[in-house]
C-alpha atoms as a PDB file:
ATOM      1  CA  UNK A   1     -11.922  21.546  28.625  1.00  0.00           C
ATOM      2  CA  UNK A   2     -12.952  20.592  25.113  1.00  0.00           C
ATOM      3  CA  UNK A   3     -12.362  24.156  23.882  1.00  0.00           C
ATOM      4  CA  UNK A   4      -8.848  24.126  25.373  1.00  0.00           C
ATOM      5  CA  UNK A   5      -8.084  20.886  23.622  1.00  0.00           C
ATOM      6  CA  UNK A   6      -9.294  22.241  20.315  1.00  0.00           C
ATOM      7  CA  UNK A   7      -7.252  25.443  20.620  1.00  0.00           C
ATOM      8  CA  UNK A   8      -4.072  23.480  21.294  1.00  0.00           C
ATOM      9  CA  UNK A   9      -4.572  21.276  18.257  1.00  0.00           C
ATOM     10  CA  UNK A  10      -5.640  24.096  15.984  1.00  0.00           C
ATOM     11  CA  UNK A  11      -2.604  26.171  16.933  1.00  0.00           C
ATOM     12  CA  UNK A  12       0.160  23.596  16.791  1.00  0.00           C
ATOM     13  CA  UNK A  13      -0.808  20.548  14.756  1.00  0.00           C
ATOM     14  CA  UNK A  14      -0.815  22.166  11.297  1.00  0.00           C
ATOM     15  CA  UNK A  15       2.775  23.353  11.896  1.00  0.00           C
ATOM     16  CA  UNK A  16       4.307  20.073  13.045  1.00  0.00           C
ATOM     17  CA  UNK A  17       5.238  18.971   9.555  1.00  0.00           C
ATOM     18  CA  UNK A  18       6.932  22.286   8.737  1.00  0.00           C
ATOM     19  CA  UNK A  19       8.668  22.756  12.108  1.00  0.00           C
ATOM     20  CA  UNK A  20      10.200  19.307  12.549  1.00  0.00           C
ATOM     21  CA  UNK A  21      10.462  17.385   9.297  1.00  0.00           C
ATOM     22  CA  UNK A  22      10.570  20.015   6.611  1.00  0.00           C
ATOM     23  CA  UNK A  23      13.923  21.805   7.308  1.00  0.00           C
ATOM     24  CA  UNK A  24      16.168  18.709   7.211  1.00  0.00           C
ATOM     25  CA  UNK A  25      14.216  17.309   4.303  1.00  0.00           C
ATOM     26  CA  UNK A  26      14.500  20.621   2.452  1.00  0.00           C
ATOM     27  CA  UNK A  27      18.252  20.756   3.125  1.00  0.00           C
ATOM     28  CA  UNK A  28      18.698  17.217   1.832  1.00  0.00           C
ATOM     29  CA  UNK A  29      16.700  17.950  -1.309  1.00  0.00           C
ATOM     30  CA  UNK A  30      18.718  21.118  -1.890  1.00  0.00           C
ATOM     31  CA  UNK A  31      21.978  19.199  -1.650  1.00  0.00           C
ATOM     32  CA  UNK A  32      20.745  16.384  -3.861  1.00  0.00           C
ATOM     33  CA  UNK A  33      19.367  18.575  -6.606  1.00  0.00           C
ATOM     34  CA  UNK A  34      22.363  20.865  -6.977  1.00  0.00           C
ATOM     35  CA  UNK A  35      23.163  19.202 -10.296  1.00  0.00           C
ATOM     36  CA  UNK A  36      19.818  18.150 -11.725  1.00  0.00           C
ATOM     37  CA  UNK A  37      21.352  16.738 -14.896  1.00  0.00           C
ATOM     38  CA  UNK A  38      23.356  14.193 -12.931  1.00  0.00           C
ATOM     39  CA  UNK A  39      20.309  13.360 -10.797  1.00  0.00           C
ATOM     40  CA  UNK A  40      18.128  12.807 -13.870  1.00  0.00           C
ATOM     41  CA  UNK A  41      20.790  10.533 -15.365  1.00  0.00           C
ATOM     42  CA  UNK A  42      20.956   8.612 -12.076  1.00  0.00           C
ATOM     43  CA  UNK A  43      17.157   8.203 -11.931  1.00  0.00           C
ATOM     44  CA  UNK A  44      16.966   7.053 -15.542  1.00  0.00           C
ATOM     45  CA  UNK A  45      19.749   4.577 -14.807  1.00  0.00           C
ATOM     46  CA  UNK A  46      17.772   3.196 -11.857  1.00  0.00           C
ATOM     47  CA  UNK A  47      14.633   2.900 -13.988  1.00  0.00           C
ATOM     48  CA  UNK A  48      16.616   1.158 -16.698  1.00  0.00           C
ATOM     49  CA  UNK A  49      17.923  -1.354 -14.149  1.00  0.00           C
ATOM     50  CA  UNK A  50      14.359  -2.006 -12.954  1.00  0.00           C
ATOM     51  CA  UNK A  51      13.201  -2.568 -16.530  1.00  0.00           C
ATOM     52  CA  UNK A  52      16.110  -4.950 -17.160  1.00  0.00           C
ATOM     53  CA  UNK A  53      15.292  -6.862 -13.981  1.00  0.00           C
ATOM     54  CA  UNK A  54      11.701  -7.204 -15.148  1.00  0.00           C
ATOM     55  CA  UNK A  55      12.899  -8.433 -18.537  1.00  0.00           C
ATOM     56  CA  UNK A  56      15.097 -10.983 -16.766  1.00  0.00           C
ATOM     57  CA  UNK A  57      12.144 -12.113 -14.655  1.00  0.00           C
ATOM     58  CA  UNK A  58       9.942 -12.544 -17.722  1.00  0.00           C
ATOM     59  CA  UNK A  59      12.657 -14.548 -19.484  1.00  0.00           C
ATOM     60  CA  UNK A  60      12.941 -16.743 -16.392  1.00  0.00           C
ATOM     61  CA  UNK A  61       9.173 -17.278 -16.386  1.00  0.00           C
ATOM     62  CA  UNK A  62       9.258 -18.103 -20.106  1.00  0.00           C
ATOM     63  CA  UNK A  63      11.661 -20.956 -19.391  1.00  0.00           C
ATOM     64  CA  UNK A  64      11.180 -23.542 -16.660  1.00  0.00           C
ATOM     65  CA  UNK A  65      10.725 -21.487 -13.460  1.00  0.00           C
ATOM     66  CA  UNK A  66      11.518 -23.460 -10.307  1.00  0.00           C
ATOM     67  CA  UNK A  67      11.831 -26.579 -12.445  1.00  0.00           C
ATOM     68  CA  UNK A  68       8.143 -26.547 -13.403  1.00  0.00           C
ATOM     69  CA  UNK A  69       7.089 -27.934 -16.767  1.00  0.00           C
ATOM     70  CA  UNK A  70       4.717 -25.345 -18.223  1.00  0.00           C
ATOM     71  CA  UNK A  71       2.883 -25.238 -21.524  1.00  0.00           C
ATOM     72  CA  UNK A  72       5.608 -24.021 -23.852  1.00  0.00           C
ATOM     73  CA  UNK A  73       3.459 -22.332 -26.532  1.00  0.00           C
ATOM     74  CA  UNK A  74       1.149 -20.607 -24.069  1.00  0.00           C
ATOM     75  CA  UNK A  75       4.091 -19.596 -21.877  1.00  0.00           C
ATOM     76  CA  UNK A  76       5.953 -18.031 -24.813  1.00  0.00           C
ATOM     77  CA  UNK A  77       2.812 -16.154 -25.860  1.00  0.00           C
ATOM     78  CA  UNK A  78       2.246 -14.680 -22.387  1.00  0.00           C
ATOM     79  CA  UNK A  79       5.925 -13.829 -21.981  1.00  0.00           C
ATOM     80  CA  UNK A  80       6.125 -11.991 -25.307  1.00  0.00           C
ATOM     81  CA  UNK A  81       2.829 -10.204 -24.643  1.00  0.00           C
ATOM     82  CA  UNK A  82       3.971  -8.944 -21.238  1.00  0.00           C
ATOM     83  CA  UNK A  83       7.458  -8.098 -22.586  1.00  0.00           C
ATOM     84  CA  UNK A  84       5.805  -5.932 -25.227  1.00  0.00           C
ATOM     85  CA  UNK A  85       4.050  -3.912 -22.511  1.00  0.00           C
ATOM     86  CA  UNK A  86       7.332  -3.473 -20.639  1.00  0.00           C
ATOM     87  CA  UNK A  87       8.969  -2.307 -23.862  1.00  0.00           C
ATOM     88  CA  UNK A  88       6.190   0.244 -24.406  1.00  0.00           C
ATOM     89  CA  UNK A  89       6.690   1.520 -20.874  1.00  0.00           C
ATOM     90  CA  UNK A  90      10.437   1.904 -21.414  1.00  0.00           C
ATOM     91  CA  UNK A  91       9.809   3.882 -24.621  1.00  0.00           C
ATOM     92  CA  UNK A  92       7.469   6.132 -22.665  1.00  0.00           C
ATOM     93  CA  UNK A  93      10.138   6.733 -20.022  1.00  0.00           C
ATOM     94  CA  UNK A  94      12.754   7.358 -22.697  1.00  0.00           C
ATOM     95  CA  UNK A  95      10.591   9.974 -24.395  1.00  0.00           C
ATOM     96  CA  UNK A  96       9.568  11.648 -21.133  1.00  0.00           C
ATOM     97  CA  UNK A  97      13.136  11.624 -19.810  1.00  0.00           C
ATOM     98  CA  UNK A  98      13.700  15.085 -21.292  1.00  0.00           C
ATOM     99  CA  UNK A  99      10.941  16.395 -19.038  1.00  0.00           C
ATOM    100  CA  UNK A 100      12.551  14.863 -15.952  1.00  0.00           C
ATOM    101  CA  UNK A 101      14.607  18.002 -15.244  1.00  0.00           C
ATOM    102  CA  UNK A 102      11.419  20.072 -15.072  1.00  0.00           C
ATOM    103  CA  UNK A 103       9.817  17.557 -12.721  1.00  0.00           C
ATOM    104  CA  UNK A 104      12.879  17.628 -10.457  1.00  0.00           C
ATOM    105  CA  UNK A 105      12.829  21.420 -10.482  1.00  0.00           C
ATOM    106  CA  UNK A 106       9.209  21.354  -9.286  1.00  0.00           C
ATOM    107  CA  UNK A 107       9.949  18.688  -6.695  1.00  0.00           C
ATOM    108  CA  UNK A 108      12.845  20.819  -5.471  1.00  0.00           C
ATOM    109  CA  UNK A 109      10.365  23.390  -4.130  1.00  0.00           C
ATOM    110  CA  UNK A 110       8.014  20.881  -2.525  1.00  0.00           C
ATOM    111  CA  UNK A 111      10.080  21.064   0.652  1.00  0.00           C
ATOM    112  CA  UNK A 112       8.138  24.190   1.561  1.00  0.00           C
ATOM    113  CA  UNK A 113       4.996  22.072   1.935  1.00  0.00           C
ATOM    114  CA  UNK A 114       6.532  19.634   4.420  1.00  0.00           C
ATOM    115  CA  UNK A 115       7.346  15.962   4.517  1.00  0.00           C
ATOM    116  CA  UNK A 116       3.729  14.772   4.383  1.00  0.00           C
ATOM    117  CA  UNK A 117       3.259  16.435   0.998  1.00  0.00           C
ATOM    118  CA  UNK A 118       6.481  14.878  -0.284  1.00  0.00           C
ATOM    119  CA  UNK A 119       5.492  11.457   1.065  1.00  0.00           C
ATOM    120  CA  UNK A 120       2.188  11.700  -0.802  1.00  0.00           C
ATOM    121  CA  UNK A 121       4.074  12.628  -3.990  1.00  0.00           C
ATOM    122  CA  UNK A 122       6.422   9.666  -3.474  1.00  0.00           C
ATOM    123  CA  UNK A 123       3.408   7.361  -3.132  1.00  0.00           C
ATOM    124  CA  UNK A 124       1.993   8.684  -6.412  1.00  0.00           C
ATOM    125  CA  UNK A 125       5.382   8.324  -8.098  1.00  0.00           C
ATOM    126  CA  UNK A 126       5.532   4.685  -6.972  1.00  0.00           C
ATOM    127  CA  UNK A 127       2.139   4.111  -8.581  1.00  0.00           C
ATOM    128  CA  UNK A 128       3.322   5.677 -11.828  1.00  0.00           C
ATOM    129  CA  UNK A 129       6.684   3.877 -11.824  1.00  0.00           C
ATOM    130  CA  UNK A 130       5.013   0.476 -11.281  1.00  0.00           C
ATOM    131  CA  UNK A 131       2.174   1.051 -13.726  1.00  0.00           C
ATOM    132  CA  UNK A 132       3.570  -1.494 -16.201  1.00  0.00           C
ATOM    133  CA  UNK A 133       3.722  -4.236 -13.550  1.00  0.00           C
ATOM    134  CA  UNK A 134       0.196  -3.282 -12.450  1.00  0.00           C
ATOM    135  CA  UNK A 135      -1.044  -3.743 -16.034  1.00  0.00           C
ATOM    136  CA  UNK A 136       0.574  -7.183 -16.210  1.00  0.00           C
ATOM    137  CA  UNK A 137      -1.031  -8.050 -12.875  1.00  0.00           C
ATOM    138  CA  UNK A 138      -4.472  -6.992 -14.149  1.00  0.00           C
ATOM    139  CA  UNK A 139      -4.096  -9.115 -17.291  1.00  0.00           C
ATOM    140  CA  UNK A 140      -2.858 -12.139 -15.342  1.00  0.00           C
ATOM    141  CA  UNK A 141      -5.581 -11.769 -12.702  1.00  0.00           C
ATOM    142  CA  UNK A 142      -8.310 -11.500 -15.331  1.00  0.00           C
ATOM    143  CA  UNK A 143      -7.034 -14.552 -17.193  1.00  0.00           C
ATOM    144  CA  UNK A 144      -6.690 -16.533 -13.962  1.00  0.00           C
ATOM    145  CA  UNK A 145     -10.222 -15.560 -12.910  1.00  0.00           C
ATOM    146  CA  UNK A 146     -11.657 -16.646 -16.279  1.00  0.00           C
ATOM    147  CA  UNK A 147      -9.951 -20.027 -16.036  1.00  0.00           C
ATOM    148  CA  UNK A 148     -11.060 -20.609 -12.432  1.00  0.00           C
ATOM    149  CA  UNK A 149     -14.644 -19.582 -13.257  1.00  0.00           C
ATOM    150  CA  UNK A 150     -14.625 -21.833 -16.320  1.00  0.00           C
ATOM    151  CA  UNK A 151     -13.339 -24.823 -14.346  1.00  0.00           C
ATOM    152  CA  UNK A 152     -15.967 -24.328 -11.625  1.00  0.00           C
ATOM    153  CA  UNK A 153     -18.736 -24.081 -14.243  1.00  0.00           C
ATOM    154  CA  UNK A 154     -17.488 -27.232 -15.996  1.00  0.00           C
ATOM    155  CA  UNK A 155     -17.366 -29.140 -12.706  1.00  0.00           C
ATOM    156  CA  UNK A 156     -21.054 -28.329 -12.254  1.00  0.00           C
ATOM    157  CA  UNK A 157     -21.564 -29.342 -15.861  1.00  0.00           C
ATOM    158  CA  UNK A 158     -20.190 -32.843 -15.247  1.00  0.00           C
ATOM    159  CA  UNK A 159     -22.613 -33.489 -12.376  1.00  0.00           C
ATOM    160  CA  UNK A 160     -25.638 -32.234 -14.297  1.00  0.00           C
ATOM    161  CA  UNK A 161     -25.865 -28.784 -12.758  1.00  0.00           C
ATOM    162  CA  UNK A 162     -25.777 -25.233 -14.056  1.00  0.00           C
ATOM    163  CA  UNK A 163     -25.964 -21.767 -12.586  1.00  0.00           C
ATOM    164  CA  UNK A 164     -29.254 -19.920 -13.085  1.00  0.00           C
ATOM    165  CA  UNK A 165     -28.531 -16.164 -13.126  1.00  0.00           C
ATOM    166  CA  UNK A 166     -32.247 -15.276 -12.932  1.00  0.00           C
ATOM    167  CA  UNK A 167     -32.832 -17.132  -9.669  1.00  0.00           C
ATOM    168  CA  UNK A 168     -29.252 -16.841  -8.437  1.00  0.00           C
ATOM    169  CA  UNK A 169     -29.185 -20.564  -7.696  1.00  0.00           C
ATOM    170  CA  UNK A 170     -27.890 -23.819  -9.188  1.00  0.00           C
ATOM    171  CA  UNK A 171     -30.451 -25.927 -11.057  1.00  0.00           C
ATOM    172  CA  UNK A 172     -30.385 -29.454 -12.434  1.00  0.00           C
ATOM    173  CA  UNK A 173     -29.934 -29.888 -16.164  1.00  0.00           C
ATOM    174  CA  UNK A 174     -29.538 -32.775 -18.627  1.00  0.00           C
ATOM    175  CA  UNK A 175     -26.804 -32.651 -21.267  1.00  0.00           C
ATOM    176  CA  UNK A 176     -26.283 -34.625 -24.466  1.00  0.00           C
ATOM    177  CA  UNK A 177     -23.226 -36.735 -25.237  1.00  0.00           C
ATOM    178  CA  UNK A 178     -21.953 -34.119 -27.689  1.00  0.00           C
ATOM    179  CA  UNK A 179     -22.186 -31.420 -25.012  1.00  0.00           C
ATOM    180  CA  UNK A 180     -20.377 -33.639 -22.513  1.00  0.00           C
ATOM    181  CA  UNK A 181     -17.608 -34.268 -25.053  1.00  0.00           C
ATOM    182  CA  UNK A 182     -17.132 -30.539 -25.720  1.00  0.00           C
ATOM    183  CA  UNK A 183     -17.185 -29.864 -21.971  1.00  0.00           C
ATOM    184  CA  UNK A 184     -14.525 -32.513 -21.380  1.00  0.00           C
ATOM    185  CA  UNK A 185     -12.246 -31.016 -24.042  1.00  0.00           C
ATOM    186  CA  UNK A 186     -12.722 -27.486 -22.647  1.00  0.00           C
ATOM    187  CA  UNK A 187     -12.057 -28.685 -19.093  1.00  0.00           C
ATOM    188  CA  UNK A 188      -8.848 -30.427 -20.181  1.00  0.00           C
ATOM    189  CA  UNK A 189      -7.572 -27.337 -22.012  1.00  0.00           C
ATOM    190  CA  UNK A 190      -8.311 -24.975 -19.112  1.00  0.00           C
ATOM    191  CA  UNK A 191      -6.787 -27.359 -16.569  1.00  0.00           C
ATOM    192  CA  UNK A 192      -3.561 -27.853 -18.530  1.00  0.00           C
ATOM    193  CA  UNK A 193      -3.132 -24.114 -19.131  1.00  0.00           C
ATOM    194  CA  UNK A 194      -3.869 -23.189 -15.512  1.00  0.00           C
ATOM    195  CA  UNK A 195      -0.309 -23.803 -14.098  1.00  0.00           C
ATOM    196  CA  UNK A 196       1.215 -21.405 -16.647  1.00  0.00           C
ATOM    197  CA  UNK A 197      -1.287 -18.669 -15.844  1.00  0.00           C
ATOM    198  CA  UNK A 198      -0.925 -19.302 -12.113  1.00  0.00           C
ATOM    199  CA  UNK A 199       2.847 -18.792 -12.241  1.00  0.00           C
ATOM    200  CA  UNK A 200       2.538 -15.321 -13.829  1.00  0.00           C
ATOM    201  CA  UNK A 201      -0.390 -14.488 -11.575  1.00  0.00           C
ATOM    202  CA  UNK A 202       1.455 -15.363  -8.354  1.00  0.00           C
ATOM    203  CA  UNK A 203       4.611 -13.416  -9.272  1.00  0.00           C
ATOM    204  CA  UNK A 204       2.873 -10.182 -10.234  1.00  0.00           C
ATOM    205  CA  UNK A 205       0.340 -10.449  -7.414  1.00  0.00           C
ATOM    206  CA  UNK A 206       3.250 -10.448  -4.979  1.00  0.00           C
ATOM    207  CA  UNK A 207       4.584  -7.316  -6.697  1.00  0.00           C
ATOM    208  CA  UNK A 208       1.196  -5.657  -6.347  1.00  0.00           C
ATOM    209  CA  UNK A 209       0.898  -6.548  -2.655  1.00  0.00           C
ATOM    210  CA  UNK A 210       4.417  -5.204  -2.021  1.00  0.00           C
ATOM    211  CA  UNK A 211       3.514  -1.869  -3.645  1.00  0.00           C
ATOM    212  CA  UNK A 212       0.293  -1.663  -1.617  1.00  0.00           C
ATOM    213  CA  UNK A 213       2.186  -2.326   1.630  1.00  0.00           C
ATOM    214  CA  UNK A 214       4.712   0.439   0.843  1.00  0.00           C
ATOM    215  CA  UNK A 215       1.926   2.896   0.038  1.00  0.00           C
ATOM    216  CA  UNK A 216       0.085   1.885   3.205  1.00  0.00           C
ATOM    217  CA  UNK A 217       3.199   2.538   5.317  1.00  0.00           C
ATOM    218  CA  UNK A 218       3.593   5.964   3.705  1.00  0.00           C
ATOM    219  CA  UNK A 219      -0.061   6.734   4.453  1.00  0.00           C
ATOM    220  CA  UNK A 220       0.425   5.671   8.088  1.00  0.00           C
ATOM    221  CA  UNK A 221       3.518   7.879   8.322  1.00  0.00           C
ATOM    222  CA  UNK A 222       1.593  10.859   6.954  1.00  0.00           C
ATOM    223  CA  UNK A 223      -1.252  10.184   9.384  1.00  0.00           C
ATOM    224  CA  UNK A 224       1.144   9.904  12.335  1.00  0.00           C
ATOM    225  CA  UNK A 225       2.832  13.222  11.526  1.00  0.00           C
ATOM    226  CA  UNK A 226      -0.459  15.018  10.953  1.00  0.00           C
ATOM    227  CA  UNK A 227      -2.022  13.770  14.200  1.00  0.00           C
ATOM    228  CA  UNK A 228       1.042  14.164  16.445  1.00  0.00           C
ATOM    229  CA  UNK A 229       0.217  16.775  19.154  1.00  0.00           C
ATOM    230  CA  UNK A 230       3.640  18.434  19.274  1.00  0.00           C
ATOM    231  CA  UNK A 231       2.760  21.050  21.882  1.00  0.00           C
ATOM    232  CA  UNK A 232       1.350  18.458  24.297  1.00  0.00           C
ATOM    233  CA  UNK A 233       4.289  16.090  23.759  1.00  0.00           C
ATOM    234  CA  UNK A 234       6.710  18.953  24.452  1.00  0.00           C
ATOM    235  CA  UNK A 235       4.925  19.745  27.716  1.00  0.00           C
ATOM    236  CA  UNK A 236       5.090  16.081  28.682  1.00  0.00           C
ATOM    237  CA  UNK A 237       8.849  15.952  28.006  1.00  0.00           C
ATOM    238  CA  UNK A 238       9.339  19.069  30.170  1.00  0.00           C
ATOM    239  CA  UNK A 239       7.218  17.515  32.960  1.00  0.00           C
ATOM    240  CA  UNK A 240       4.819  20.428  32.876  1.00  0.00           C
ATOM    241  CA  UNK A 241       1.963  20.340  35.414  1.00  0.00           C
ATOM    242  CA  UNK A 242      -0.428  21.311  32.596  1.00  0.00           C
ATOM    243  CA  UNK A 243      -0.438  17.717  31.363  1.00  0.00           C
ATOM    244  CA  UNK A 244      -0.449  16.079  34.788  1.00  0.00           C
ATOM    245  CA  UNK A 245      -2.669  13.104  35.412  1.00  0.00           C
ATOM    246  CA  UNK A 246      -3.818  11.880  38.794  1.00  0.00           C
ATOM    247  CA  UNK A 247      -3.184  13.679  42.099  1.00  0.00           C
ATOM    248  CA  UNK A 248      -1.968  11.939  45.246  1.00  0.00           C
ATOM    249  CA  UNK A 249      -2.940  13.491  48.609  1.00  0.00           C
ATOM    250  CA  UNK A 250      -1.074  12.525  51.782  1.00  0.00           C
ATOM    251  CA  UNK A 251      -1.763  13.846  55.301  1.00  0.00           C
ATOM    252  CA  UNK A 252       1.532  14.756  57.030  1.00  0.00           C
ATOM    253  CA  UNK A 253       0.311  15.577  60.570  1.00  0.00           C
ATOM    254  CA  UNK A 254      -2.238  14.391  63.078  1.00  0.00           C
ATOM    255  CA  UNK A 255      -5.120  16.838  63.391  1.00  0.00           C
ATOM    256  CA  UNK A 256      -5.769  15.736  66.997  1.00  0.00           C
ATOM    257  CA  UNK A 257      -2.403  17.100  68.111  1.00  0.00           C
ATOM    258  CA  UNK A 258      -2.419  20.311  66.013  1.00  0.00           C
ATOM    259  CA  UNK A 259      -4.968  22.908  65.038  1.00  0.00           C
ATOM    260  CA  UNK A 260      -4.169  22.811  61.344  1.00  0.00           C
ATOM    261  CA  UNK A 261      -3.909  20.116  58.710  1.00  0.00           C
ATOM    262  CA  UNK A 262      -0.877  19.609  56.459  1.00  0.00           C
ATOM    263  CA  UNK A 263      -1.476  17.776  53.200  1.00  0.00           C
ATOM    264  CA  UNK A 264       1.143  16.951  50.608  1.00  0.00           C
ATOM    265  CA  UNK A 265      -0.006  16.849  47.003  1.00  0.00           C
ATOM    266  CA  UNK A 266       1.819  14.968  44.310  1.00  0.00           C
ATOM    267  CA  UNK A 267       1.093  15.132  40.595  1.00  0.00           C
ATOM    268  CA  UNK A 268       1.521  12.046  38.424  1.00  0.00           C
ATOM    269  CA  UNK A 269       2.261  12.508  34.743  1.00  0.00           C
ATOM    270  CA  UNK A 270      -0.022  10.855  32.237  1.00  0.00           C
ATOM    271  CA  UNK A 271       1.461   8.360  29.818  1.00  0.00           C
ATOM    272  CA  UNK A 272       2.485   9.661  26.429  1.00  0.00           C
ATOM    273  CA  UNK A 273       0.046   7.327  24.668  1.00  0.00           C
ATOM    274  CA  UNK A 274      -2.894   8.651  26.710  1.00  0.00           C
ATOM    275  CA  UNK A 275      -1.947  12.229  25.802  1.00  0.00           C
ATOM    276  CA  UNK A 276      -1.644  11.420  22.103  1.00  0.00           C
ATOM    277  CA  UNK A 277      -5.032   9.676  22.195  1.00  0.00           C
ATOM    278  CA  UNK A 278      -6.741  12.545  24.040  1.00  0.00           C
ATOM    279  CA  UNK A 279      -5.282  15.285  21.836  1.00  0.00           C
ATOM    280  CA  UNK A 280      -5.321  13.462  18.500  1.00  0.00           C
ATOM    281  CA  UNK A 281      -6.281  15.680  15.566  1.00  0.00           C
ATOM    282  CA  UNK A 282      -9.523  14.909  13.678  1.00  0.00           C
ATOM    283  CA  UNK A 283      -7.960  13.366  10.563  1.00  0.00           C
ATOM    284  CA  UNK A 284      -9.286  10.362   8.676  1.00  0.00           C
ATOM    285  CA  UNK A 285      -7.543   7.118   9.588  1.00  0.00           C
ATOM    286  CA  UNK A 286      -5.877   5.361   6.594  1.00  0.00           C
ATOM    287  CA  UNK A 287      -7.883   2.463   5.247  1.00  0.00           C
ATOM    288  CA  UNK A 288      -6.840  -0.756   6.954  1.00  0.00           C
ATOM    289  CA  UNK A 289      -5.852  -3.876   5.058  1.00  0.00           C
ATOM    290  CA  UNK A 290      -8.576  -6.514   5.146  1.00  0.00           C
ATOM    291  CA  UNK A 291      -6.273  -9.490   4.863  1.00  0.00           C
ATOM    292  CA  UNK A 292      -9.061 -12.092   4.913  1.00  0.00           C
ATOM    293  CA  UNK A 293     -10.949 -10.373   2.117  1.00  0.00           C
ATOM    294  CA  UNK A 294      -7.730  -9.816   0.170  1.00  0.00           C
ATOM    295  CA  UNK A 295      -6.750 -13.483   0.494  1.00  0.00           C
ATOM    296  CA  UNK A 296     -10.149 -14.645  -0.746  1.00  0.00           C
ATOM    297  CA  UNK A 297      -9.900 -12.283  -3.728  1.00  0.00           C
ATOM    298  CA  UNK A 298      -6.394 -13.514  -4.557  1.00  0.00           C
ATOM    299  CA  UNK A 299      -7.503 -17.170  -4.489  1.00  0.00           C
ATOM    300  CA  UNK A 300     -10.223 -16.620  -7.110  1.00  0.00           C
ATOM    301  CA  UNK A 301      -8.359 -14.059  -9.207  1.00  0.00           C
ATOM    302  CA  UNK A 302     -10.355 -10.974  -8.260  1.00  0.00           C
ATOM    303  CA  UNK A 303      -8.418  -7.730  -8.461  1.00  0.00           C
ATOM    304  CA  UNK A 304      -7.194  -6.223  -5.217  1.00  0.00           C
ATOM    305  CA  UNK A 305      -6.917  -2.467  -4.846  1.00  0.00           C
END
């Protein structure tokens, strides 16, 4: 029975992507890329709109977002620093725009490899297209983590404690008045700058989580297509006895009155989910989101994937 299962999967599963999804996807790509110049202009226009939206968002953050009163000097510095990275990214896209026709020509022939290959390429393209926002997220997360770590260390400082990295524990310690004064000034500075950093950190963390969710959905779609047992599902739709489940046996006559026994057999079809589970291909399951771990990392400024 196990050998029969394996032969069905080995024969049909690798062709599911090409048989079902690839032809319509290939036709659509062929129609879209008839005039690659117009398509490249359209894509560059979309990227330009995304860059302008990001510029608008940064200008909004540099003002008084949601009516919050942020540190003006620090806010302007962060806004200009992040705007400079966006400007560098736009220059990179402008220079590489001449190579976009070649990339579209290559992508035009990816339909032969099926939808799963194209979905993987789309996921990589999303990572490349959002690289500038990922850089801003990394900078904001690092800055937020430094401020949170500094505030926690200074809170220990005020109660006469300090972290001992050798023992991995918190020890008691006495501080002078000069050290307490410097600690108070540092705590005040970090605390007053924290709302400005938090605003940038929250906005670009949400962007990062949105990108991760989209890439996760694409990975789940690829996994579903690769593990779909097409041959078994087709037999189930045709009500084939080869994928029957339980058997019902019913005696139709009384053996005391006749010399032979009549039994009626009835086959019950298995559910589609049971068939998919039994004949699932041996592919690696996409990594699940650990929401609890992700939330704890977001709260302290640690980078998520």
